[in-house]
Amino acid sequence: MSSRQYQNLFLAGPDYTGHSLDDLKARHHQALLNGMHGLCFSAYVEGQGPGFILPYDQVRRRMEVISPFCRWVRSFSCIEGNELIPKVAHELGLKTLVGAWLGKDEEKNEQEIEGLIELAKAGYVDVAAVGNEVLYRKDLTKEQLLAYMRRVKEALPDIPVGYVDAYYEFSRHPDIVAHSDVVLANCYPFWEGCQIEYSLMYMKQMYYQAKAAAGDKPVIITETGWPSQGQALGGAVPSTENAIKYFLNTQQWSREENIEIFYFSSFDESWKVGAEGDVGAYWGIWDKDEQLKFV
């Protein structure tokens, strides 16, 4: 085996050597036209963020932008207008992974849980996610989280229920897996400083770690992506070229291995700069003005 062949096997991804940026953009557009399993949905436009009450026409307009390119949509909250997202998605023929956002505010947690149950009973939820990275953030104890999960499972016996967190948390918490119908794992080589050349292999390792923890339960990658601008993190460099390569690799793997992936994200979101630094604003396939970025 030649050194180049060995390198390609080790990197476990396509070799883009010699491909111009224009060629990569064309491949990106074709991959979009081929369709993807799922997208994380960003409803906020410039100047908005959590706490803003989303109007129906805004949610509908943004959903119509992405609906030709995916089969599923993931939402993150069930209050403040976010409850419109699964309704509009179903109107447009998409399936939904609907999340209740849990944190340290018990009153809001109650609203979120009740909202999720109400949406599901109305027929708008295909998979229910109880919380997102609350163990990672230490917003809730595991016992508090499990109580919310049990409550939703009891209310929705016919809908798959899970909890979203970083892939490695499920190895640490087998009791979370035991209370889940489906394991919902976030897999971000970027946030672990991985070079783009090794990122596909690393994402596969993340997925199979979650798969090992899940046993015979299905695993869905609920978030993965790569920013197109911002500060590097270790060997992970944000750029148009790297964002395109990561998207292409992800979609090819998803198709070839039937991996259910919700790509992060649909639109750029300026409000995320506060939590994530300058890269936070540039995870979208479309920009903040709903225009495709890589054309």
Foldseek 3Di string as FASTA:
>chain_A
DDPVVVLCVQLVFDDCPPPDLLNLLVLLVVLQQVAAAAAEEDQDFPPDDPPAQGDLVSLLVLCVLRVNHYQEYEYADQDSNSVSNLVSCVVSRHAYEYEHADFQDVVSLVVRLVSQLVSVVVPSHQEYAYHAACVVVVRDDPVVSLVSLVVSCVSCVPHFYAYEYALCVLVVCLVRLVSGQEAEHAAEPQVVQDALSNRLVRSVVSQVSSVVSNPPHHYAHEEYFAFQDDDGDHNRHHHSVSRSRVVSRVRVCCVVVVHHYHYPHAEFDPVLCVPPNPSNRGGHCAYSVSHGDSD
